[in-house]
Amino acid sequence: MPVDTFARHFKAETGMAPYAYVIERRVRRAESLLRAGSMPISAMALELGFSSQSHFTSTFRRITGTTPNTYRQQASRILTSSS
């Protein structure tokens, strides 16, 4: 199947271009990792397939409206207050 045909069908099914879908999934996985533990953000960025921590941070902030570090701190406060 030609790439453009795949991209068109993919977008029709998901509402997103393939690359945007992959980035969205990476950020959602990052949210899970940030809530779950204390993995360094730089290691997380590489594990999730970002080229650098700065690329990861800017992408995360664009999608979620906050930085990974701030997200982790807020998630930690929510977990602590609900215990």
Protein backbone atom coordinates (compact mmCIF):
# COMPACT_ATOMS: atom_id res chain seq x y z
CA MET A 1 0.00 0.00 0.00
CA PRO A 2 1.42 3.41 -0.87
CA VAL A 3 2.38 5.58 2.10
CA ASP A 4 -0.05 8.35 1.24
CA THR A 5 -2.92 5.87 0.94
CA PHE A 6 -2.04 4.39 4.32
CA ALA A 7 -1.86 7.85 5.89
CA ARG A 8 -5.24 8.80 4.45
CA HIS A 9 -6.90 5.59 5.72
CA PHE A 10 -5.19 5.90 9.09
CA LYS A 11 -6.41 9.46 9.54
CA ALA A 12 -9.93 8.49 8.50
CA GLU A 13 -9.98 5.81 11.23
CA THR A 14 -8.19 7.62 14.05
CA GLY A 15 -8.70 11.29 13.25
CA MET A 16 -4.94 11.81 13.42
CA ALA A 17 -2.01 11.57 11.05
CA PRO A 18 0.22 8.54 11.79
CA TYR A 19 3.09 10.63 13.18
CA ALA A 20 0.75 12.67 15.40
CA TYR A 21 -0.76 9.43 16.70
CA VAL A 22 2.68 8.03 17.59
CA ILE A 23 3.66 11.24 19.39
CA GLU A 24 0.36 11.25 21.29
CA ARG A 25 0.92 7.64 22.39
CA ARG A 26 4.47 8.45 23.52
CA VAL A 27 3.23 11.35 25.63
CA ARG A 28 0.47 9.23 27.19
CA ARG A 29 3.08 6.58 28.04
CA ALA A 30 5.27 9.32 29.53
CA GLU A 31 2.39 10.41 31.77
CA SER A 32 2.14 6.86 33.05
CA LEU A 33 5.90 6.65 33.68
CA LEU A 34 5.90 10.03 35.41
CA ARG A 35 3.14 8.94 37.78
CA ALA A 36 4.70 5.54 38.43
CA GLY A 37 8.21 6.29 39.47
CA SER A 38 11.35 8.31 39.58
CA MET A 39 13.02 7.46 36.26
CA PRO A 40 15.12 10.45 35.20
CA ILE A 41 13.36 12.51 32.56
CA SER A 42 16.39 12.31 30.26
CA ALA A 43 16.30 8.49 30.37
CA MET A 44 12.55 8.53 29.85
CA ALA A 45 12.92 10.73 26.77
CA LEU A 46 15.34 8.29 25.17
CA GLU A 47 13.27 5.25 26.15
CA LEU A 48 10.19 6.78 24.54
CA GLY A 49 12.04 7.49 21.29
CA PHE A 50 12.62 11.22 21.52
CA SER A 51 15.91 12.53 20.19
CA SER A 52 16.68 14.51 23.35
CA GLN A 53 15.27 15.61 26.68
CA SER A 54 14.56 19.08 25.30
CA HIS A 55 12.58 17.64 22.36
CA PHE A 56 10.63 15.46 24.78
CA THR A 57 9.96 18.37 27.17
CA SER A 58 8.78 20.74 24.44
CA THR A 59 6.54 18.06 22.88
CA PHE A 60 5.12 17.07 26.28
CA ARG A 61 4.41 20.71 27.13
CA ARG A 62 2.75 21.34 23.75
CA ILE A 63 0.39 18.38 24.20
CA THR A 64 -0.32 18.53 27.95
CA GLY A 65 0.21 22.22 28.73
CA THR A 66 2.82 21.47 31.39
CA THR A 67 6.40 20.21 31.59
CA PRO A 68 7.21 16.62 32.55
CA ASN A 69 8.74 17.74 35.84
CA THR A 70 5.70 19.80 36.81
CA TYR A 71 3.42 16.93 35.79
CA ARG A 72 5.41 14.55 38.01
CA GLN A 73 5.22 16.96 40.97
CA GLN A 74 1.47 17.44 40.57
CA ALA A 75 0.87 13.69 40.23
CA SER A 76 2.98 13.08 43.34
CA ARG A 77 0.93 15.62 45.32
CA ILE A 78 -2.33 14.02 44.21
CA LEU A 79 -1.10 10.55 45.22
CA THR A 80 0.19 11.82 48.56
CA SER A 81 -3.02 13.68 49.41
CA SER A 82 -5.24 10.72 48.52
CA SER A 83 -3.33 8.33 50.79
